[in-house]
N, C-alpha and C. Protein backbone atom coordinates (compact mmCIF):
# COMPACT_ATOMS: atom_id res chain seq x y z
N MET A 1 0.56 -1.05 -0.45
CA MET A 1 0.39 -0.06 -0.02
C MET A 1 1.33 1.42 -0.08
N VAL A 2 0.54 2.44 -0.90
CA VAL A 2 1.18 3.51 -1.08
C VAL A 2 1.09 4.30 0.08
N ASP A 3 2.02 4.85 0.76
CA ASP A 3 1.53 6.13 2.08
C ASP A 3 1.05 7.34 1.11
N ALA A 4 0.35 8.04 2.44
CA ALA A 4 -0.30 9.13 1.60
C ALA A 4 0.84 10.15 1.41
N PRO A 5 0.90 11.17 0.49
CA PRO A 5 2.48 11.78 0.36
C PRO A 5 2.40 12.70 1.25
N SER A 6 3.65 13.49 1.56
CA SER A 6 3.55 14.44 2.27
C SER A 6 3.53 15.91 2.18
N PRO A 7 3.37 16.71 2.96
CA PRO A 7 2.85 18.05 1.97
C PRO A 7 4.38 18.88 1.57
N THR A 8 5.41 18.25 1.37
CA THR A 8 6.02 19.25 0.51
C THR A 8 6.34 18.19 -0.70
N ALA A 9 5.70 16.87 -0.88
CA ALA A 9 5.62 16.12 -2.15
C ALA A 9 5.56 16.77 -3.61
N PRO A 10 6.54 16.55 -4.33
CA PRO A 10 5.97 17.53 -5.70
C PRO A 10 4.81 16.83 -6.04
N ARG A 11 4.22 17.57 -7.05
CA ARG A 11 3.05 16.98 -7.40
C ARG A 11 2.80 17.17 -9.02
N LEU A 12 2.52 15.90 -9.38
CA LEU A 12 2.83 15.84 -10.74
C LEU A 12 1.80 15.17 -11.48
N ALA A 13 1.71 15.67 -12.38
CA ALA A 13 0.07 15.55 -13.35
C ALA A 13 0.31 14.00 -14.38
N VAL A 14 -0.17 13.25 -14.34
CA VAL A 14 -0.10 12.29 -15.05
C VAL A 14 -0.72 12.18 -16.68
N LEU A 15 -0.78 12.33 -17.44
CA LEU A 15 -1.61 12.95 -18.43
C LEU A 15 -2.72 11.85 -18.89
N ASP A 16 -3.74 12.24 -18.75
CA ASP A 16 -4.87 10.80 -18.94
C ASP A 16 -5.78 11.16 -20.28
N TYR A 17 -4.90 10.80 -21.61
CA TYR A 17 -5.61 10.56 -22.32
C TYR A 17 -6.74 8.99 -23.01
N GLY A 18 -6.45 8.13 -21.71
CA GLY A 18 -7.33 7.07 -22.16
C GLY A 18 -6.33 6.10 -22.79
N ILE A 19 -4.99 5.77 -23.13
CA ILE A 19 -4.36 4.96 -24.10
C ILE A 19 -3.12 4.08 -22.66
N GLY A 20 -3.52 2.82 -22.69
CA GLY A 20 -2.38 1.77 -21.88
C GLY A 20 -2.85 2.36 -20.43
N ASN A 21 -1.77 1.48 -19.37
CA ASN A 21 -2.16 1.27 -17.89
C ASN A 21 -1.47 2.58 -17.44
N LEU A 22 -2.62 4.33 -17.98
CA LEU A 22 -1.38 5.18 -16.92
C LEU A 22 -1.55 5.04 -15.83
N ARG A 23 -2.09 4.08 -14.73
CA ARG A 23 -2.38 3.97 -13.91
C ARG A 23 -0.99 3.60 -12.43
N SER A 24 -0.49 2.62 -13.79
CA SER A 24 0.37 2.22 -13.13
C SER A 24 1.95 2.91 -12.66
N ALA A 25 2.20 3.39 -14.26
CA ALA A 25 3.01 4.85 -13.52
C ALA A 25 2.82 5.84 -12.68
N GLN A 26 1.55 6.01 -12.52
CA GLN A 26 1.29 6.70 -11.33
C GLN A 26 1.62 6.44 -10.03
N LYS A 27 1.37 4.96 -10.02
CA LYS A 27 1.95 4.31 -8.59
C LYS A 27 2.66 4.20 -8.36
N ALA A 28 3.55 4.38 -9.40
CA ALA A 28 4.85 3.92 -8.89
C ALA A 28 5.85 4.88 -8.64
N LEU A 29 5.17 6.62 -9.07
CA LEU A 29 5.72 7.71 -8.74
C LEU A 29 5.03 8.19 -7.27
N GLU A 30 4.32 7.53 -7.25
CA GLU A 30 3.41 8.16 -5.89
C GLU A 30 4.47 6.86 -4.64
N TYR A 31 5.28 5.95 -5.01
CA TYR A 31 5.98 5.15 -4.77
C TYR A 31 7.55 5.62 -4.27
N VAL A 32 7.65 6.81 -4.75
CA VAL A 32 8.84 6.93 -4.84
C VAL A 32 8.92 8.75 -4.05
N GLY A 33 7.80 8.97 -3.51
CA GLY A 33 7.38 10.34 -3.08
C GLY A 33 6.86 11.32 -3.69
N ALA A 34 5.85 10.88 -4.63
CA ALA A 34 5.61 12.23 -5.39
C ALA A 34 3.54 12.23 -5.25
N ASP A 35 3.15 13.47 -4.80
CA ASP A 35 1.93 13.29 -5.10
C ASP A 35 1.13 13.31 -6.54
N ALA A 36 1.27 11.89 -7.13
CA ALA A 36 0.90 12.04 -8.43
C ALA A 36 -0.62 11.74 -9.04
N THR A 37 -1.09 12.93 -10.09
CA THR A 37 -2.74 13.14 -10.17
C THR A 37 -3.08 12.74 -11.72
N LEU A 38 -3.92 11.37 -11.92
CA LEU A 38 -4.29 11.20 -13.52
C LEU A 38 -4.96 12.31 -14.08
N THR A 39 -4.27 12.57 -14.52
CA THR A 39 -5.35 13.83 -14.98
C THR A 39 -5.30 14.78 -16.70
N ALA A 40 -6.70 15.30 -16.96
CA ALA A 40 -6.60 15.86 -18.34
C ALA A 40 -6.81 17.40 -17.69
N ASP A 41 -7.10 17.58 -16.74
CA ASP A 41 -7.47 18.97 -16.15
C ASP A 41 -6.20 20.46 -16.43
N PRO A 42 -6.58 20.88 -17.48
CA PRO A 42 -5.49 21.50 -18.00
C PRO A 42 -5.17 22.86 -15.98
N ASN A 43 -5.99 23.23 -15.09
CA ASN A 43 -5.34 23.82 -14.20
C ASN A 43 -4.59 22.97 -13.95
N LEU A 44 -5.01 21.85 -13.44
CA LEU A 44 -3.87 20.58 -12.50
C LEU A 44 -2.61 20.78 -13.45
N ILE A 45 -2.36 20.69 -14.28
CA ILE A 45 -1.54 20.44 -15.19
C ILE A 45 -0.73 22.00 -14.76
N GLU A 46 -1.79 23.03 -15.30
CA GLU A 46 -0.62 24.18 -15.30
C GLU A 46 0.26 23.94 -14.24
N HIS A 47 -0.30 23.76 -12.86
CA HIS A 47 0.48 24.29 -11.80
C HIS A 47 0.82 22.93 -11.18
N ALA A 48 1.02 21.63 -11.93
CA ALA A 48 1.82 21.06 -11.62
C ALA A 48 3.68 21.78 -11.36
N ASP A 49 4.56 20.83 -10.55
CA ASP A 49 5.69 20.08 -10.76
C ASP A 49 6.37 19.81 -11.52
N GLY A 50 6.22 19.14 -12.11
CA GLY A 50 5.98 18.20 -13.14
C GLY A 50 5.24 17.65 -13.93
N VAL A 51 5.03 17.28 -14.89
CA VAL A 51 4.34 16.64 -15.71
C VAL A 51 4.68 15.05 -16.45
N VAL A 52 4.18 14.12 -16.43
CA VAL A 52 4.26 12.96 -17.17
C VAL A 52 3.89 12.19 -18.01
N LEU A 53 4.62 11.88 -19.42
CA LEU A 53 3.27 11.40 -20.36
C LEU A 53 3.52 9.75 -20.80
N PRO A 54 3.27 8.98 -19.89
CA PRO A 54 3.59 7.27 -20.25
C PRO A 54 2.87 7.21 -22.18
N GLY A 55 3.11 6.41 -22.53
CA GLY A 55 2.48 6.00 -23.29
C GLY A 55 2.76 4.20 -23.64
N VAL A 56 1.62 3.41 -24.30
CA VAL A 56 2.00 2.30 -24.91
C VAL A 56 1.27 1.94 -26.21
N GLY A 57 1.54 0.99 -27.36
CA GLY A 57 0.75 0.66 -28.41
C GLY A 57 1.61 1.31 -29.44
N HIS A 58 -0.06 2.00 -30.31
CA HIS A 58 0.87 2.53 -31.86
C HIS A 58 0.82 3.94 -31.49
N PHE A 59 1.96 4.47 -32.74
CA PHE A 59 2.55 6.28 -32.10
C PHE A 59 1.21 6.69 -32.70
N GLY A 60 0.45 6.44 -34.07
CA GLY A 60 -0.69 6.90 -34.64
C GLY A 60 -2.16 7.29 -33.96
N ALA A 61 -2.29 5.54 -33.02
CA ALA A 61 -3.44 5.92 -32.19
C ALA A 61 -3.10 6.97 -30.85
N SER A 62 -2.11 6.97 -30.22
CA SER A 62 -1.53 7.96 -29.15
C SER A 62 -2.04 8.41 -29.31
N MET A 63 -1.34 9.59 -30.50
CA MET A 63 -1.16 11.11 -31.11
C MET A 63 -2.65 11.18 -31.48
N ASP A 64 -3.68 10.09 -31.97
CA ASP A 64 -4.93 10.77 -32.00
C ASP A 64 -5.54 11.20 -30.81
N ALA A 65 -5.07 10.09 -29.69
CA ALA A 65 -6.09 10.49 -28.33
C ALA A 65 -5.53 11.50 -28.15
N LEU A 66 -4.31 11.75 -27.93
CA LEU A 66 -3.41 12.86 -27.76
C LEU A 66 -3.96 14.24 -27.92
N VAL A 67 -4.56 14.25 -29.13
CA VAL A 67 -4.86 14.91 -29.41
C VAL A 67 -6.36 15.49 -29.57
N ARG A 68 -7.08 14.36 -29.18
CA ARG A 68 -8.53 14.76 -29.30
C ARG A 68 -8.92 15.26 -27.37
N THR A 69 -7.80 14.53 -26.71
CA THR A 69 -8.16 15.28 -25.28
C THR A 69 -7.87 16.76 -25.32
N GLY A 70 -7.17 17.19 -26.51
CA GLY A 70 -6.73 18.42 -26.05
C GLY A 70 -5.64 18.36 -24.98
N LEU A 71 -4.82 17.19 -24.85
CA LEU A 71 -3.74 17.07 -23.99
C LEU A 71 -2.85 17.58 -24.99
N ALA A 72 -2.82 17.31 -26.39
CA ALA A 72 -1.61 17.36 -27.50
C ALA A 72 -0.51 19.41 -26.69
N ASP A 73 -1.75 19.75 -27.01
CA ASP A 73 -1.72 21.84 -27.09
C ASP A 73 -0.89 21.67 -25.77
N GLN A 74 -1.88 20.85 -23.87
CA GLN A 74 -1.37 21.23 -22.98
C GLN A 74 0.19 20.42 -23.08
N ALA A 75 0.01 19.50 -23.83
CA ALA A 75 1.89 19.03 -23.54
C ALA A 75 3.19 20.45 -24.12
N ILE A 76 2.59 21.15 -25.02
CA ILE A 76 3.53 21.87 -25.70
C ILE A 76 3.64 23.01 -24.78
N LYS A 77 2.55 23.16 -24.31
CA LYS A 77 3.00 24.63 -22.88
C LYS A 77 3.52 24.22 -21.92
N VAL A 78 3.92 22.99 -20.96
CA VAL A 78 4.04 22.01 -20.36
C VAL A 78 5.70 22.76 -20.32
N ALA A 79 5.87 22.62 -21.83
CA ALA A 79 7.52 22.35 -22.11
C ALA A 79 7.72 23.98 -22.42
N GLU A 80 6.96 24.61 -23.43
CA GLU A 80 7.33 25.94 -23.03
C GLU A 80 7.60 26.67 -22.06
N ARG A 81 6.36 26.72 -20.63
CA ARG A 81 6.28 27.02 -19.29
C ARG A 81 7.58 26.57 -18.64
N GLY A 82 8.32 25.53 -19.35
CA GLY A 82 9.70 25.31 -18.20
C GLY A 82 9.76 24.07 -17.48
N GLN A 83 7.93 23.83 -17.01
CA GLN A 83 7.43 22.83 -16.20
C GLN A 83 8.70 21.40 -16.68
N PRO A 84 8.82 20.64 -15.77
CA PRO A 84 9.78 19.62 -15.84
C PRO A 84 9.15 18.40 -16.22
N PHE A 85 9.06 17.65 -17.62
CA PHE A 85 8.14 16.51 -18.35
C PHE A 85 8.81 15.62 -19.28
N ILE A 86 8.70 15.01 -18.65
CA ILE A 86 8.83 12.98 -19.29
C ILE A 86 8.07 12.09 -20.25
N GLY A 87 8.72 12.13 -20.90
CA GLY A 87 8.09 10.67 -21.61
C GLY A 87 8.26 9.45 -21.55
N ILE A 88 7.86 8.73 -21.58
CA ILE A 88 8.26 7.01 -20.78
C ILE A 88 7.12 6.55 -21.78
N CYS A 89 8.18 5.83 -23.24
CA CYS A 89 7.88 4.70 -24.27
C CYS A 89 7.04 5.42 -25.14
N VAL A 90 5.95 5.01 -25.44
CA VAL A 90 5.55 5.92 -26.69
C VAL A 90 5.50 6.82 -26.38
N GLY A 91 5.37 7.30 -25.04
CA GLY A 91 5.53 8.86 -24.24
C GLY A 91 6.04 9.55 -25.14
N MET A 92 7.81 8.91 -24.83
CA MET A 92 8.85 9.41 -25.37
C MET A 92 8.83 9.51 -27.19
N GLN A 93 8.52 8.57 -27.95
CA GLN A 93 8.27 8.99 -29.21
C GLN A 93 7.44 10.02 -29.29
N MET A 94 6.57 10.53 -28.93
CA MET A 94 5.72 11.35 -29.07
C MET A 94 6.14 12.46 -29.52
N LEU A 95 7.34 12.33 -28.33
CA LEU A 95 7.69 14.16 -28.00
C LEU A 95 8.72 14.51 -29.46
N TYR A 96 8.83 12.81 -30.33
CA TYR A 96 9.24 13.56 -31.81
C TYR A 96 8.60 14.24 -32.52
N GLN A 97 9.50 14.43 -33.52
CA GLN A 97 8.87 15.43 -34.76
C GLN A 97 7.53 14.19 -34.96
N GLY A 98 8.08 13.17 -35.18
CA GLY A 98 7.25 11.74 -35.91
C GLY A 98 7.92 10.48 -35.79
N SER A 99 6.95 9.72 -36.41
CA SER A 99 7.48 8.38 -36.81
C SER A 99 7.39 7.34 -37.74
N ALA A 100 8.36 6.27 -38.26
CA ALA A 100 7.62 5.83 -39.38
C ALA A 100 6.67 4.85 -39.34
N GLU A 101 6.09 4.65 -38.08
CA GLU A 101 5.22 3.39 -37.67
C GLU A 101 3.26 4.68 -38.42
N ALA A 102 3.96 5.64 -37.90
CA ALA A 102 1.88 6.07 -38.52
C ALA A 102 3.07 7.97 -39.42
N PRO A 103 3.48 7.66 -40.89
CA PRO A 103 4.84 8.46 -41.37
C PRO A 103 3.63 9.71 -41.32
N THR A 104 2.38 9.18 -41.61
CA THR A 104 1.24 10.71 -42.35
C THR A 104 0.86 11.69 -40.49
N VAL A 105 1.74 10.98 -39.73
CA VAL A 105 0.87 11.44 -38.27
C VAL A 105 1.78 12.39 -37.62
N ASP A 106 1.82 14.15 -37.39
CA ASP A 106 3.10 14.60 -37.03
C ASP A 106 2.79 14.26 -35.21
N GLY A 107 4.15 14.19 -34.64
CA GLY A 107 4.35 14.49 -33.40
C GLY A 107 4.69 15.03 -32.37
N LEU A 108 4.63 16.08 -31.39
CA LEU A 108 5.03 17.57 -30.80
C LEU A 108 5.94 17.73 -31.16
N GLY A 109 7.07 17.27 -31.37
CA GLY A 109 8.16 18.12 -32.04
C GLY A 109 8.72 18.67 -30.49
N LEU A 110 9.06 18.59 -29.43
CA LEU A 110 9.44 18.84 -28.72
C LEU A 110 10.89 18.07 -28.33
N LEU A 111 11.28 16.98 -29.17
CA LEU A 111 12.63 16.71 -29.69
C LEU A 111 12.97 16.57 -31.16
N SER A 112 13.86 16.87 -31.37
CA SER A 112 14.32 16.44 -32.77
C SER A 112 14.68 15.42 -33.47
N GLY A 113 13.79 14.89 -34.41
CA GLY A 113 14.33 13.98 -34.86
C GLY A 113 12.79 13.22 -35.16
N GLN A 114 13.42 12.25 -35.75
CA GLN A 114 12.43 11.12 -36.21
C GLN A 114 12.49 9.70 -35.52
N ILE A 115 11.07 8.72 -35.37
CA ILE A 115 11.51 7.68 -34.44
C ILE A 115 11.64 6.84 -35.82
N GLN A 116 12.55 6.18 -35.43
CA GLN A 116 12.74 4.58 -36.35
C GLN A 116 12.08 3.41 -36.18
N TRP A 117 12.26 2.31 -37.50
CA TRP A 117 12.28 1.05 -36.76
C TRP A 117 13.38 0.25 -36.34
N LEU A 118 13.59 -0.35 -34.96
CA LEU A 118 14.54 -1.22 -34.83
C LEU A 118 15.34 -2.43 -36.14
N PRO A 119 16.85 -2.32 -36.34
CA PRO A 119 17.35 -2.53 -37.51
C PRO A 119 16.40 -4.49 -37.74
N GLU A 120 16.14 -4.77 -39.34
CA GLU A 120 15.68 -5.80 -39.48
C GLU A 120 15.83 -6.83 -38.95
N THR A 121 17.42 -6.74 -38.72
CA THR A 121 18.31 -7.92 -37.88
C THR A 121 17.99 -8.29 -36.58
N VAL A 122 17.21 -7.75 -35.84
CA VAL A 122 17.00 -8.27 -34.68
C VAL A 122 15.21 -8.09 -34.16
N LYS A 123 15.01 -9.09 -33.19
CA LYS A 123 13.50 -9.63 -33.50
C LYS A 123 13.01 -8.13 -32.93
N ARG A 124 11.95 -8.24 -33.70
CA ARG A 124 10.85 -6.91 -33.07
C ARG A 124 9.36 -7.37 -32.71
N PRO A 125 9.25 -6.79 -30.88
CA PRO A 125 9.73 -6.13 -30.55
C PRO A 125 10.53 -6.23 -29.92
N GLN A 126 11.73 -5.73 -29.64
CA GLN A 126 12.72 -6.02 -28.15
C GLN A 126 11.48 -6.11 -26.89
N MET A 127 12.27 -7.40 -26.28
CA MET A 127 11.00 -7.68 -25.23
C MET A 127 11.71 -7.82 -24.05
N GLN A 128 12.55 -7.17 -23.38
CA GLN A 128 13.58 -7.75 -22.40
C GLN A 128 14.12 -6.81 -21.62
N TRP A 129 15.07 -7.91 -20.65
CA TRP A 129 15.60 -6.88 -20.29
C TRP A 129 17.04 -6.11 -21.16
N ASN A 130 17.09 -5.02 -20.63
CA ASN A 130 18.81 -4.85 -21.23
C ASN A 130 19.54 -3.90 -20.80
N GLN A 131 20.72 -3.57 -20.52
CA GLN A 131 22.01 -2.70 -19.92
C GLN A 131 22.13 -1.36 -20.74
N LEU A 132 21.60 -0.26 -20.04
CA LEU A 132 21.98 1.11 -20.32
C LEU A 132 23.64 1.18 -20.09
N ARG A 133 23.60 2.25 -21.15
CA ARG A 133 25.26 2.94 -21.09
C ARG A 133 24.71 5.01 -20.88
N CYS A 134 25.21 5.56 -20.05
CA CYS A 134 24.52 6.58 -19.69
C CYS A 134 25.63 8.10 -19.24
N GLU A 135 24.75 8.61 -19.60
CA GLU A 135 26.15 9.89 -19.64
C GLU A 135 25.79 10.21 -17.96
N ASP A 136 26.51 11.29 -18.15
CA ASP A 136 26.43 12.26 -16.74
C ASP A 136 25.06 13.03 -17.08
N HIS A 137 24.11 13.07 -16.41
CA HIS A 137 22.88 13.56 -16.33
C HIS A 137 22.41 13.05 -15.18
N PRO A 138 21.48 14.45 -14.61
CA PRO A 138 20.62 14.22 -13.12
C PRO A 138 20.01 12.99 -13.41
N LEU A 139 19.07 13.00 -14.91
CA LEU A 139 17.98 12.10 -13.93
C LEU A 139 18.29 10.97 -14.32
N LEU A 140 19.98 9.98 -15.10
CA LEU A 140 20.39 9.10 -14.34
C LEU A 140 21.21 8.78 -13.55
N ALA A 141 21.30 9.85 -12.74
CA ALA A 141 22.18 9.51 -11.34
C ALA A 141 22.05 7.67 -11.08
N GLY A 142 23.01 7.54 -10.93
CA GLY A 142 23.22 5.80 -9.95
C GLY A 142 22.96 4.93 -11.15
N LEU A 143 22.63 5.10 -12.36
CA LEU A 143 21.62 4.10 -13.38
C LEU A 143 23.01 3.84 -14.52
N ASP A 144 24.26 3.91 -14.61
CA ASP A 144 25.24 3.41 -15.91
C ASP A 144 24.92 2.40 -15.25
N GLU A 145 25.12 1.61 -16.70
CA GLU A 145 25.02 -0.50 -16.61
C GLU A 145 24.02 -0.74 -16.13
N SER A 146 23.17 -0.11 -15.37
CA SER A 146 21.96 -0.26 -14.68
C SER A 146 20.91 -1.19 -15.61
N TRP A 147 19.99 -2.77 -15.69
CA TRP A 147 19.54 -3.20 -16.43
C TRP A 147 18.14 -2.93 -15.96
N VAL A 148 17.18 -2.07 -17.51
CA VAL A 148 16.01 -2.14 -17.27
C VAL A 148 14.73 -2.90 -18.47
N TYR A 149 13.64 -2.47 -18.60
CA TYR A 149 12.65 -3.68 -19.36
C TYR A 149 12.48 -2.62 -20.32
N PHE A 150 12.45 -3.22 -21.49
CA PHE A 150 11.87 -2.49 -22.58
C PHE A 150 10.84 -3.46 -23.47
N VAL A 151 10.09 -2.86 -23.88
CA VAL A 151 8.84 -2.96 -24.47
C VAL A 151 9.00 -1.94 -26.27
N HIS A 152 9.08 -2.75 -27.47
CA HIS A 152 9.03 -1.05 -28.53
C HIS A 152 9.88 -1.92 -29.50
N SER A 153 8.96 -1.96 -30.86
CA SER A 153 9.66 -2.28 -32.23
C SER A 153 10.52 -0.74 -33.32
N LEU A 154 10.57 -0.06 -31.75
CA LEU A 154 10.98 1.49 -32.76
C LEU A 154 11.40 2.21 -31.86
N ALA A 155 13.04 3.39 -32.41
CA ALA A 155 13.56 4.29 -30.99
C ALA A 155 13.30 5.39 -31.82
N PRO A 156 13.98 6.28 -31.45
CA PRO A 156 14.37 7.40 -31.63
C PRO A 156 15.66 7.15 -32.76
N GLU A 157 15.95 8.07 -33.50
CA GLU A 157 17.07 8.59 -34.12
C GLU A 157 18.27 8.81 -32.96
N MET A 158 19.52 8.55 -33.60
CA MET A 158 20.24 9.54 -32.64
C MET A 158 21.01 10.88 -32.49
N SER A 159 20.88 11.59 -31.84
CA SER A 159 20.84 13.41 -31.94
C SER A 159 21.26 13.85 -30.82
N SER A 160 21.83 14.99 -30.29
CA SER A 160 22.19 15.15 -29.48
C SER A 160 21.77 15.56 -28.28
N ASP A 161 20.67 15.11 -27.96
CA ASP A 161 20.14 15.14 -26.81
C ASP A 161 19.70 13.97 -26.11
N VAL A 162 20.83 12.67 -26.60
CA VAL A 162 20.40 11.84 -26.50
C VAL A 162 21.61 11.41 -25.00
N ILE A 163 21.03 10.56 -24.16
CA ILE A 163 21.80 11.02 -22.81
C ILE A 163 22.06 9.27 -21.88
N ALA A 164 20.96 8.31 -22.75
CA ALA A 164 21.89 6.85 -22.64
C ALA A 164 21.24 5.96 -23.78
N THR A 165 22.00 4.81 -23.98
CA THR A 165 21.32 3.82 -25.19
C THR A 165 21.98 2.87 -25.01
N THR A 166 21.23 2.05 -24.85
CA THR A 166 21.46 -0.25 -24.92
C THR A 166 22.02 -0.63 -26.62
N ASP A 167 22.24 -1.80 -26.08
CA ASP A 167 22.66 -2.26 -27.53
C ASP A 167 21.89 -3.49 -27.78
N TYR A 168 21.36 -2.55 -29.00
CA TYR A 168 20.45 -4.12 -29.89
C TYR A 168 20.47 -3.75 -31.33
N GLY A 169 21.43 -5.23 -31.65
CA GLY A 169 21.70 -5.28 -32.95
C GLY A 169 22.21 -4.00 -33.46
N GLY A 170 23.09 -3.55 -32.77
CA GLY A 170 23.30 -1.74 -32.22
C GLY A 170 23.14 -0.94 -31.65
N SER A 171 23.62 -0.07 -31.42
CA SER A 171 23.25 1.10 -30.50
C SER A 171 22.04 2.16 -30.73
N ILE A 172 20.90 2.07 -29.61
CA ILE A 172 19.71 2.13 -29.82
C ILE A 172 19.14 3.43 -28.62
N VAL A 173 18.93 4.43 -28.68
CA VAL A 173 18.61 5.06 -27.76
C VAL A 173 17.87 4.96 -26.43
N ALA A 174 18.35 5.52 -25.33
CA ALA A 174 17.14 4.83 -24.59
C ALA A 174 16.70 5.68 -23.60
N ALA A 175 16.96 7.24 -23.35
CA ALA A 175 16.42 8.18 -22.91
C ALA A 175 17.20 9.43 -23.37
N ALA A 176 16.63 10.72 -23.50
CA ALA A 176 16.82 11.35 -23.69
C ALA A 176 16.87 12.54 -23.18
N ALA A 177 17.21 13.84 -23.42
CA ALA A 177 17.10 15.42 -22.57
C ALA A 177 16.87 16.55 -23.08
N LYS A 178 16.27 17.48 -23.17
CA LYS A 178 16.75 18.60 -23.44
C LYS A 178 16.21 19.84 -22.88
N ASP A 179 16.95 20.23 -22.32
CA ASP A 179 16.05 21.69 -21.57
C ASP A 179 15.46 20.85 -20.20
N ASN A 180 14.35 21.69 -20.04
CA ASN A 180 13.13 20.41 -19.51
C ASN A 180 12.25 18.93 -19.65
N VAL A 181 12.92 18.69 -20.84
CA VAL A 181 11.83 17.58 -21.68
C VAL A 181 12.98 16.46 -21.12
N TYR A 182 12.47 15.78 -21.27
CA TYR A 182 13.66 14.22 -20.94
C TYR A 182 12.03 13.17 -21.31
N ALA A 183 13.19 11.97 -21.87
CA ALA A 183 12.40 10.76 -21.79
C ALA A 183 13.54 9.54 -21.79
N THR A 184 12.39 8.43 -21.63
CA THR A 184 12.95 6.94 -21.83
C THR A 184 12.67 6.21 -22.38
N GLN A 185 13.04 5.05 -23.33
CA GLN A 185 12.48 4.28 -24.31
C GLN A 185 12.15 3.08 -23.62
N PHE A 186 12.90 2.60 -22.28
CA PHE A 186 12.06 1.44 -21.41
C PHE A 186 11.42 2.50 -20.63
N HIS A 187 10.36 1.51 -19.69
CA HIS A 187 9.45 1.62 -18.48
C HIS A 187 9.74 1.59 -17.37
N PRO A 188 10.32 2.83 -17.35
CA PRO A 188 10.76 2.23 -15.16
C PRO A 188 9.96 2.30 -14.48
N GLU A 189 8.65 1.89 -14.44
CA GLU A 189 7.95 1.18 -13.72
C GLU A 189 7.93 -0.10 -14.15
N LYS A 190 8.65 -0.86 -14.92
CA LYS A 190 8.40 -2.10 -14.58
C LYS A 190 10.21 -2.68 -15.01
N SER A 191 10.66 -1.52 -14.37
CA SER A 191 12.30 -2.23 -14.31
C SER A 191 12.46 -2.22 -12.64
N ALA A 192 12.20 -2.88 -11.62
CA ALA A 192 12.24 -2.64 -10.51
C ALA A 192 12.82 -2.13 -9.96
N THR A 193 14.32 -1.79 -9.24
CA THR A 193 14.88 -0.69 -7.95
C THR A 193 15.40 0.02 -9.06
N ALA A 194 16.00 -0.26 -10.44
CA ALA A 194 16.39 0.69 -11.33
C ALA A 194 15.40 1.70 -12.04
N GLY A 195 14.22 1.32 -12.14
CA GLY A 195 13.19 1.80 -12.64
C GLY A 195 13.09 2.93 -11.71
N LEU A 196 12.87 3.10 -10.15
CA LEU A 196 12.21 3.31 -9.11
C LEU A 196 13.70 4.83 -9.08
N ARG A 197 14.51 4.26 -9.25
CA ARG A 197 15.36 5.23 -8.83
C ARG A 197 15.69 6.28 -10.20
N LEU A 198 15.34 5.67 -11.57
CA LEU A 198 15.07 6.59 -12.32
C LEU A 198 13.98 7.99 -12.40
N LEU A 199 12.96 7.04 -11.34
CA LEU A 199 11.18 8.14 -11.35
C LEU A 199 11.72 9.10 -9.99
N SER A 200 12.69 8.07 -9.16
CA SER A 200 13.33 9.23 -7.74
C SER A 200 14.18 10.59 -8.42
N ASN A 201 14.71 10.04 -9.67
CA ASN A 201 15.67 11.40 -9.68
C ASN A 201 14.58 12.45 -10.20
N PHE A 202 13.82 11.67 -11.55
CA PHE A 202 13.08 13.47 -11.51
C PHE A 202 12.16 13.63 -11.02
N VAL A 203 11.05 12.83 -9.98
CA VAL A 203 11.10 13.37 -8.94
C VAL A 203 11.66 14.57 -8.18
N ASP A 204 13.29 14.40 -8.03
CA ASP A 204 13.47 15.65 -7.80
C ASP A 204 14.31 16.63 -8.26
N LEU A 205 14.10 16.13 -9.57
CA LEU A 205 14.59 17.60 -10.70
C LEU A 205 13.85 18.57 -10.38
N CYS A 206 12.03 17.65 -10.19
CA CYS A 206 10.63 18.33 -10.14
C CYS A 206 10.75 19.06 -8.53
N ARG A 207 10.64 18.42 -7.64
CA ARG A 207 11.56 19.28 -6.09
C ARG A 207 12.07 20.57 -6.67
N SER A 208 13.32 20.12 -6.98
CA SER A 208 14.59 21.53 -6.54
C SER A 208 14.18 22.63 -8.52
N SER A 209 13.21 22.33 -9.08
CA SER A 209 12.31 23.61 -9.87
C SER A 209 11.30 23.88 -9.21
N ALA A 210 10.99 23.38 -8.18
CA ALA A 210 9.66 24.29 -7.72
C ALA A 210 9.76 25.08 -7.00
């Protein structure tokens, strides 16, 4: 059972656009000390100390749901206001400009580049634990060489925003960051101790920017 958040717990808004098991991310954030709320309320999102965009499934369907609920515009405003903002799995992919999975659908464009299919030489999806190779970044503190859980068939192309990779038929983007926007291709909420450490690092970033 998750304890009630302390009065000083950072307030996190988990964007509720109706796709996937969004509550698992909310519960994991509560476990590491956040006051996390699953919401589509623009007022709650605006006044949150940090915002989380989880995601599973198809890029096109996820972007459609995000736009239909009005949360695509809200996500862009979050980034513009400077609130700490993290996308997870397909939530990460939606932060980019577009995806080979749905070539006619625009992403949010908060990170530069496209989402590409994993190499044909490997099994798709990658559905396994894999090891991180991390740069020095506060989101990844204590996580270099940690094992985390991936479920994906596509990943971002390499760019200057990449802060962690993993090896799957070559070097694959595992995490990225640009200013107040963060992203992980793996699932922290399914990655045991390492995943909770990453979420705790994000909560600390939210706390320090509040």
